[in-house]
PDB file of N, CA and C in Angstrom:
ATOM      1  N   MET A   1      99.252 124.584  54.870  1.00  0.00           N
ATOM      2  CA  MET A   1     100.451 124.919  54.121  1.00  0.00           C
ATOM      3  C   MET A   1     100.804 126.381  54.389  1.00  0.00           C
ATOM      4  N   HIS A   2     102.080 126.644  54.488  1.00  0.00           N
ATOM      5  CA  HIS A   2     102.522 128.026  54.591  1.00  0.00           C
ATOM      6  C   HIS A   2     103.720 128.236  53.677  1.00  0.00           C
ATOM      7  N   ALA A   3     103.875 129.463  53.227  1.00  0.00           N
ATOM      8  CA  ALA A   3     104.918 129.795  52.261  1.00  0.00           C
ATOM      9  C   ALA A   3     106.174 130.283  52.969  1.00  0.00           C
ATOM     10  N   ILE A   4     107.312 129.913  52.413  1.00  0.00           N
ATOM     11  CA  ILE A   4     108.593 130.510  52.771  1.00  0.00           C
ATOM     12  C   ILE A   4     109.275 130.911  51.477  1.00  0.00           C
ATOM     13  N   PHE A   5     110.154 131.865  51.574  1.00  0.00           N
ATOM     14  CA  PHE A   5     110.968 132.275  50.439  1.00  0.00           C
ATOM     15  C   PHE A   5     112.421 132.044  50.816  1.00  0.00           C
ATOM     16  N   ILE A   6     113.199 131.543  49.862  1.00  0.00           N
ATOM     17  CA  ILE A   6     114.618 131.293  50.110  1.00  0.00           C
ATOM     18  C   ILE A   6     115.418 132.016  49.041  1.00  0.00           C
ATOM     19  N   LEU A   7     116.327 132.889  49.484  1.00  0.00           N
ATOM     20  CA  LEU A   7     117.278 133.520  48.590  1.00  0.00           C
ATOM     21  C   LEU A   7     118.474 132.587  48.465  1.00  0.00           C
ATOM     22  N   VAL A   8     118.914 132.327  47.239  1.00  0.00           N
ATOM     23  CA  VAL A   8     119.966 131.344  46.996  1.00  0.00           C
ATOM     24  C   VAL A   8     121.111 131.981  46.223  1.00  0.00           C
ATOM     25  N   LYS A   9     122.333 131.814  46.731  1.00  0.00           N
ATOM     26  CA  LYS A   9     123.547 132.213  46.018  1.00  0.00           C
ATOM     27  C   LYS A   9     124.163 130.938  45.450  1.00  0.00           C
ATOM     28  N   CYS A  10     124.438 130.965  44.152  1.00  0.00           N
ATOM     29  CA  CYS A  10     124.958 129.797  43.450  1.00  0.00           C
ATOM     30  C   CYS A  10     126.424 129.995  43.070  1.00  0.00           C
ATOM     31  N   GLU A  11     127.079 128.889  42.748  1.00  0.00           N
ATOM     32  CA  GLU A  11     128.405 128.989  42.165  1.00  0.00           C
ATOM     33  C   GLU A  11     128.266 129.714  40.827  1.00  0.00           C
ATOM     34  N   LEU A  12     129.324 130.402  40.435  1.00  0.00           N
ATOM     35  CA  LEU A  12     129.282 131.169  39.193  1.00  0.00           C
ATOM     36  C   LEU A  12     128.871 130.301  38.006  1.00  0.00           C
ATOM     37  N   GLY A  13     127.923 130.802  37.219  1.00  0.00           N
ATOM     38  CA  GLY A  13     127.476 130.119  36.014  1.00  0.00           C
ATOM     39  C   GLY A  13     126.526 128.958  36.242  1.00  0.00           C
ATOM     40  N   LYS A  14     126.079 128.732  37.469  1.00  0.00           N
ATOM     41  CA  LYS A  14     125.254 127.566  37.775  1.00  0.00           C
ATOM     42  C   LYS A  14     123.818 127.897  38.155  1.00  0.00           C
ATOM     43  N   ALA A  15     123.420 129.150  38.127  1.00  0.00           N
ATOM     44  CA  ALA A  15     122.091 129.538  38.612  1.00  0.00           C
ATOM     45  C   ALA A  15     120.958 128.855  37.836  1.00  0.00           C
ATOM     46  N   TYR A  16     121.045 128.809  36.524  1.00  0.00           N
ATOM     47  CA  TYR A  16     119.961 128.200  35.741  1.00  0.00           C
ATOM     48  C   TYR A  16     119.892 126.701  35.988  1.00  0.00           C
ATOM     49  N   GLU A  17     121.041 126.064  36.139  1.00  0.00           N
ATOM     50  CA  GLU A  17     121.086 124.628  36.431  1.00  0.00           C
ATOM     51  C   GLU A  17     120.468 124.345  37.802  1.00  0.00           C
ATOM     52  N   VAL A  18     120.824 125.144  38.795  1.00  0.00           N
ATOM     53  CA  VAL A  18     120.268 124.975  40.132  1.00  0.00           C
ATOM     54  C   VAL A  18     118.756 125.196  40.113  1.00  0.00           C
ATOM     55  N   ALA A  19     118.300 126.233  39.437  1.00  0.00           N
ATOM     56  CA  ALA A  19     116.867 126.527  39.359  1.00  0.00           C
ATOM     57  C   ALA A  19     116.097 125.354  38.756  1.00  0.00           C
ATOM     58  N   ALA A  20     116.583 124.824  37.656  1.00  0.00           N
ATOM     59  CA  ALA A  20     115.910 123.700  37.001  1.00  0.00           C
ATOM     60  C   ALA A  20     115.872 122.472  37.908  1.00  0.00           C
ATOM     61  N   GLU A  21     116.971 122.187  38.577  1.00  0.00           N
ATOM     62  CA  GLU A  21     117.041 121.039  39.481  1.00  0.00           C
ATOM     63  C   GLU A  21     116.074 121.202  40.659  1.00  0.00           C
ATOM     64  N   MET A  22     115.978 122.404  41.188  1.00  0.00           N
ATOM     65  CA  MET A  22     115.076 122.639  42.318  1.00  0.00           C
ATOM     66  C   MET A  22     113.626 122.392  41.917  1.00  0.00           C
ATOM     67  N   VAL A  23     113.240 122.901  40.772  1.00  0.00           N
ATOM     68  CA  VAL A  23     111.862 122.723  40.295  1.00  0.00           C
ATOM     69  C   VAL A  23     111.569 121.242  40.048  1.00  0.00           C
ATOM     70  N   ASP A  24     112.542 120.530  39.490  1.00  0.00           N
ATOM     71  CA  ASP A  24     112.339 119.119  39.149  1.00  0.00           C
ATOM     72  C   ASP A  24     112.390 118.190  40.353  1.00  0.00           C
ATOM     73  N   ARG A  25     113.215 118.493  41.360  1.00  0.00           N
ATOM     74  CA  ARG A  25     113.510 117.519  42.411  1.00  0.00           C
ATOM     75  C   ARG A  25     112.876 117.793  43.773  1.00  0.00           C
ATOM     76  N   ILE A  26     112.464 119.031  44.034  1.00  0.00           N
ATOM     77  CA  ILE A  26     111.942 119.354  45.355  1.00  0.00           C
ATOM     78  C   ILE A  26     110.453 119.668  45.232  1.00  0.00           C
ATOM     79  N   GLU A  27     109.619 118.785  45.749  1.00  0.00           N
ATOM     80  CA  GLU A  27     108.171 118.929  45.556  1.00  0.00           C
ATOM     81  C   GLU A  27     107.598 120.172  46.231  1.00  0.00           C
ATOM     82  N   GLN A  28     108.225 120.673  47.287  1.00  0.00           N
ATOM     83  CA  GLN A  28     107.720 121.851  47.989  1.00  0.00           C
ATOM     84  C   GLN A  28     107.996 123.152  47.230  1.00  0.00           C
ATOM     85  N   VAL A  29     108.860 123.105  46.228  1.00  0.00           N
ATOM     86  CA  VAL A  29     109.188 124.308  45.453  1.00  0.00           C
ATOM     87  C   VAL A  29     108.041 124.630  44.515  1.00  0.00           C
ATOM     88  N   SER A  30     107.512 125.838  44.650  1.00  0.00           N
ATOM     89  CA  SER A  30     106.407 126.293  43.818  1.00  0.00           C
ATOM     90  C   SER A  30     106.905 127.079  42.608  1.00  0.00           C
ATOM     91  N   GLU A  31     107.829 128.011  42.865  1.00  0.00           N
ATOM     92  CA  GLU A  31     108.349 128.883  41.809  1.00  0.00           C
ATOM     93  C   GLU A  31     109.799 129.230  42.109  1.00  0.00           C
ATOM     94  N   VAL A  32     110.572 129.450  41.050  1.00  0.00           N
ATOM     95  CA  VAL A  32     111.953 129.906  41.187  1.00  0.00           C
ATOM     96  C   VAL A  32     112.155 131.064  40.219  1.00  0.00           C
ATOM     97  N   TYR A  33     112.660 132.173  40.736  1.00  0.00           N
ATOM     98  CA  TYR A  33     112.918 133.363  39.924  1.00  0.00           C
ATOM     99  C   TYR A  33     114.411 133.656  39.922  1.00  0.00           C
ATOM    100  N   SER A  34     114.971 134.023  38.771  1.00  0.00           N
ATOM    101  CA  SER A  34     116.323 134.557  38.746  1.00  0.00           C
ATOM    102  C   SER A  34     116.223 136.030  39.131  1.00  0.00           C
ATOM    103  N   ILE A  35     117.158 136.489  39.952  1.00  0.00           N
ATOM    104  CA  ILE A  35     117.124 137.855  40.457  1.00  0.00           C
ATOM    105  C   ILE A  35     118.514 138.467  40.369  1.00  0.00           C
ATOM    106  N   SER A  36     118.586 139.773  40.526  1.00  0.00           N
ATOM    107  CA  SER A  36     119.876 140.452  40.536  1.00  0.00           C
ATOM    108  C   SER A  36     120.218 140.843  41.968  1.00  0.00           C
ATOM    109  N   GLY A  37     121.480 141.091  42.204  1.00  0.00           N
ATOM    110  CA  GLY A  37     121.917 141.507  43.531  1.00  0.00           C
ATOM    111  C   GLY A  37     122.803 140.474  44.182  1.00  0.00           C
ATOM    112  N   GLN A  38     122.794 140.448  45.489  1.00  0.00           N
ATOM    113  CA  GLN A  38     123.666 139.570  46.264  1.00  0.00           C
ATOM    114  C   GLN A  38     123.346 138.089  46.047  1.00  0.00           C
ATOM    115  N   TYR A  39     122.081 137.771  45.790  1.00  0.00           N
ATOM    116  CA  TYR A  39     121.659 136.390  45.567  1.00  0.00           C
ATOM    117  C   TYR A  39     121.259 136.204  44.111  1.00  0.00           C
ATOM    118  N   ASP A  40     121.239 134.958  43.667  1.00  0.00           N
ATOM    119  CA  ASP A  40     120.961 134.635  42.264  1.00  0.00           C
ATOM    120  C   ASP A  40     119.529 134.180  42.011  1.00  0.00           C
ATOM    121  N   LEU A  41     118.933 133.525  43.016  1.00  0.00           N
ATOM    122  CA  LEU A  41     117.591 132.965  42.854  1.00  0.00           C
ATOM    123  C   LEU A  41     116.704 133.314  44.035  1.00  0.00           C
ATOM    124  N   LEU A  42     115.422 133.467  43.759  1.00  0.00           N
ATOM    125  CA  LEU A  42     114.390 133.604  44.788  1.00  0.00           C
ATOM    126  C   LEU A  42     113.469 132.399  44.621  1.00  0.00           C
ATOM    127  N   VAL A  43     113.389 131.587  45.667  1.00  0.00           N
ATOM    128  CA  VAL A  43     112.648 130.329  45.602  1.00  0.00           C
ATOM    129  C   VAL A  43     111.433 130.411  46.533  1.00  0.00           C
ATOM    130  N   LYS A  44     110.254 130.159  45.990  1.00  0.00           N
ATOM    131  CA  LYS A  44     109.032 130.135  46.791  1.00  0.00           C
ATOM    132  C   LYS A  44     108.675 128.678  47.058  1.00  0.00           C
ATOM    133  N   CYS A  45     108.497 128.353  48.333  1.00  0.00           N
ATOM    134  CA  CYS A  45     108.174 126.987  48.739  1.00  0.00           C
ATOM    135  C   CYS A  45     106.929 126.990  49.610  1.00  0.00           C
ATOM    136  N   TYR A  46     106.167 125.921  49.521  1.00  0.00           N
ATOM    137  CA  TYR A  46     105.029 125.710  50.407  1.00  0.00           C
ATOM    138  C   TYR A  46     105.328 124.489  51.268  1.00  0.00           C
ATOM    139  N   LEU A  47     105.330 124.696  52.583  1.00  0.00           N
ATOM    140  CA  LEU A  47     105.588 123.620  53.525  1.00  0.00           C
ATOM    141  C   LEU A  47     104.327 123.294  54.303  1.00  0.00           C
ATOM    142  N   ALA A  48     104.190 122.039  54.689  1.00  0.00           N
ATOM    143  CA  ALA A  48     103.089 121.648  55.561  1.00  0.00           C
ATOM    144  C   ALA A  48     103.246 122.371  56.889  1.00  0.00           C
ATOM    145  N   LYS A  49     102.134 122.638  57.556  1.00  0.00           N
ATOM    146  CA  LYS A  49     102.162 123.378  58.825  1.00  0.00           C
ATOM    147  C   LYS A  49     103.109 122.741  59.839  1.00  0.00           C
ATOM    148  N   ASP A  50     103.220 121.437  59.846  1.00  0.00           N
ATOM    149  CA  ASP A  50     104.063 120.749  60.820  1.00  0.00           C
ATOM    150  C   ASP A  50     105.474 120.456  60.313  1.00  0.00           C
ATOM    151  N   GLN A  51     105.805 120.874  59.094  1.00  0.00           N
ATOM    152  CA  GLN A  51     107.146 120.620  58.552  1.00  0.00           C
ATOM    153  C   GLN A  51     108.146 121.615  59.127  1.00  0.00           C
ATOM    154  N   ASP A  52     109.275 121.131  59.578  1.00  0.00           N
ATOM    155  CA  ASP A  52     110.316 121.959  60.175  1.00  0.00           C
ATOM    156  C   ASP A  52     111.068 122.726  59.091  1.00  0.00           C
ATOM    157  N   VAL A  53     111.015 124.051  59.159  1.00  0.00           N
ATOM    158  CA  VAL A  53     111.655 124.905  58.159  1.00  0.00           C
ATOM    159  C   VAL A  53     113.169 124.689  58.144  1.00  0.00           C
ATOM    160  N   GLY A  54     113.779 124.660  59.318  1.00  0.00           N
ATOM    161  CA  GLY A  54     115.227 124.495  59.407  1.00  0.00           C
ATOM    162  C   GLY A  54     115.719 123.204  58.785  1.00  0.00           C
ATOM    163  N   HIS A  55     115.025 122.107  59.079  1.00  0.00           N
ATOM    164  CA  HIS A  55     115.418 120.827  58.488  1.00  0.00           C
ATOM    165  C   HIS A  55     115.209 120.827  56.978  1.00  0.00           C
ATOM    166  N   PHE A  56     114.137 121.455  56.519  1.00  0.00           N
ATOM    167  CA  PHE A  56     113.895 121.525  55.076  1.00  0.00           C
ATOM    168  C   PHE A  56     115.008 122.295  54.381  1.00  0.00           C
ATOM    169  N   VAL A  57     115.349 123.466  54.909  1.00  0.00           N
ATOM    170  CA  VAL A  57     116.368 124.298  54.260  1.00  0.00           C
ATOM    171  C   VAL A  57     117.742 123.630  54.328  1.00  0.00           C
ATOM    172  N   THR A  58     118.158 123.204  55.516  1.00  0.00           N
ATOM    173  CA  THR A  58     119.510 122.647  55.644  1.00  0.00           C
ATOM    174  C   THR A  58     119.623 121.230  55.096  1.00  0.00           C
ATOM    175  N   GLY A  59     118.561 120.456  55.195  1.00  0.00           N
ATOM    176  CA  GLY A  59     118.627 119.068  54.762  1.00  0.00           C
ATOM    177  C   GLY A  59     118.246 118.820  53.322  1.00  0.00           C
ATOM    178  N   THR A  60     117.519 119.736  52.720  1.00  0.00           N
ATOM    179  CA  THR A  60     117.071 119.549  51.336  1.00  0.00           C
ATOM    180  C   THR A  60     117.677 120.595  50.405  1.00  0.00           C
ATOM    181  N   VAL A  61     117.396 121.854  50.668  1.00  0.00           N
ATOM    182  CA  VAL A  61     117.832 122.921  49.758  1.00  0.00           C
ATOM    183  C   VAL A  61     119.353 123.073  49.773  1.00  0.00           C
ATOM    184  N   GLN A  62     119.937 123.222  50.942  1.00  0.00           N
ATOM    185  CA  GLN A  62     121.388 123.471  51.015  1.00  0.00           C
ATOM    186  C   GLN A  62     122.223 122.272  50.590  1.00  0.00           C
ATOM    187  N   GLN A  63     121.631 121.100  50.498  1.00  0.00           N
ATOM    188  CA  GLN A  63     122.362 119.905  50.078  1.00  0.00           C
ATOM    189  C   GLN A  63     122.458 119.774  48.559  1.00  0.00           C
ATOM    190  N   MET A  64     121.746 120.607  47.829  1.00  0.00           N
ATOM    191  CA  MET A  64     121.800 120.532  46.372  1.00  0.00           C
ATOM    192  C   MET A  64     123.160 121.016  45.871  1.00  0.00           C
ATOM    193  N   PRO A  65     123.649 120.412  44.791  1.00  0.00           N
ATOM    194  CA  PRO A  65     124.936 120.841  44.235  1.00  0.00           C
ATOM    195  C   PRO A  65     124.910 122.296  43.771  1.00  0.00           C
ATOM    196  N   HIS A  66     126.054 122.959  43.880  1.00  0.00           N
ATOM    197  CA  HIS A  66     126.304 124.311  43.360  1.00  0.00           C
ATOM    198  C   HIS A  66     125.641 125.437  44.143  1.00  0.00           C
ATOM    199  N   ILE A  67     125.094 125.148  45.323  1.00  0.00           N
ATOM    200  CA  ILE A  67     124.547 126.201  46.179  1.00  0.00           C
ATOM    201  C   ILE A  67     125.612 126.608  47.181  1.00  0.00           C
ATOM    202  N   LYS A  68     125.891 127.922  47.228  1.00  0.00           N
ATOM    203  CA  LYS A  68     126.922 128.439  48.130  1.00  0.00           C
ATOM    204  C   LYS A  68     126.357 129.012  49.417  1.00  0.00           C
ATOM    205  N   ASP A  69     125.152 129.615  49.360  1.00  0.00           N
ATOM    206  CA  ASP A  69     124.609 130.296  50.523  1.00  0.00           C
ATOM    207  C   ASP A  69     123.104 130.445  50.343  1.00  0.00           C
ATOM    208  N   THR A  70     122.389 130.539  51.472  1.00  0.00           N
ATOM    209  CA  THR A  70     120.951 130.788  51.429  1.00  0.00           C
ATOM    210  C   THR A  70     120.561 131.765  52.529  1.00  0.00           C
ATOM    211  N   GLN A  71     119.434 132.409  52.323  1.00  0.00           N
ATOM    212  CA  GLN A  71     118.789 133.211  53.362  1.00  0.00           C
ATOM    213  C   GLN A  71     117.302 132.915  53.279  1.00  0.00           C
ATOM    214  N   THR A  72     116.710 132.551  54.404  1.00  0.00           N
ATOM    215  CA  THR A  72     115.306 132.140  54.431  1.00  0.00           C
ATOM    216  C   THR A  72     114.435 133.252  54.983  1.00  0.00           C
ATOM    217  N   ILE A  73     113.313 133.485  54.316  1.00  0.00           N
ATOM    218  CA  ILE A  73     112.320 134.457  54.761  1.00  0.00           C
ATOM    219  C   ILE A  73     111.056 133.673  55.097  1.00  0.00           C
ATOM    220  N   ILE A  74     110.657 133.747  56.360  1.00  0.00           N
ATOM    221  CA  ILE A  74     109.462 133.038  56.813  1.00  0.00           C
ATOM    222  C   ILE A  74     108.276 134.002  56.746  1.00  0.00           C
ATOM    223  N   THR A  75     107.168 133.530  56.211  1.00  0.00           N
ATOM    224  CA  THR A  75     105.985 134.378  56.066  1.00  0.00           C
ATOM    225  C   THR A  75     104.995 134.109  57.193  1.00  0.00           C
ATOM    226  N   PHE A  76     104.146 135.107  57.467  1.00  0.00           N
ATOM    227  CA  PHE A  76     103.138 134.977  58.500  1.00  0.00           C
ATOM    228  C   PHE A  76     101.724 135.013  57.929  1.00  0.00           C
ATOM    229  N   ASN A  77     101.425 136.009  57.119  1.00  0.00           N
ATOM    230  CA  ASN A  77     100.094 136.171  56.542  1.00  0.00           C
ATOM    231  C   ASN A  77     100.204 136.424  55.046  1.00  0.00           C
ATOM    232  N   ALA A  78      99.203 135.972  54.316  1.00  0.00           N
ATOM    233  CA  ALA A  78      99.099 136.282  52.888  1.00  0.00           C
ATOM    234  C   ALA A  78      97.896 137.200  52.699  1.00  0.00           C
ATOM    235  N   PHE A  79      98.064 138.263  51.978  1.00  0.00           N
ATOM    236  CA  PHE A  79      96.992 139.222  51.728  1.00  0.00           C
ATOM    237  C   PHE A  79      96.611 139.150  50.268  1.00  0.00           C
ATOM    238  N   THR A  80      95.318 139.041  49.994  1.00  0.00           N
ATOM    239  CA  THR A  80      94.855 138.963  48.608  1.00  0.00           C
ATOM    240  C   THR A  80      93.804 140.007  48.346  1.00  0.00           C
TER     241      THR A  80
END
């Protein structure tokens, strides 16, 4: 498993609804944070090593209602 982070811009007034739906409907979603700035949500996901990041983001995350834009951050190493 490896982690990716997705910044999500939502339609106005829909960030909490989108966050709840993501947690409930997408099994790869680990955590969702509301944030300030250009994006509304920071989503932490764990994908299987062989899972295609592009297909996951465009086919699963971006297809959810009320999402206007995303930016994906791919991770390489975790330090503890």
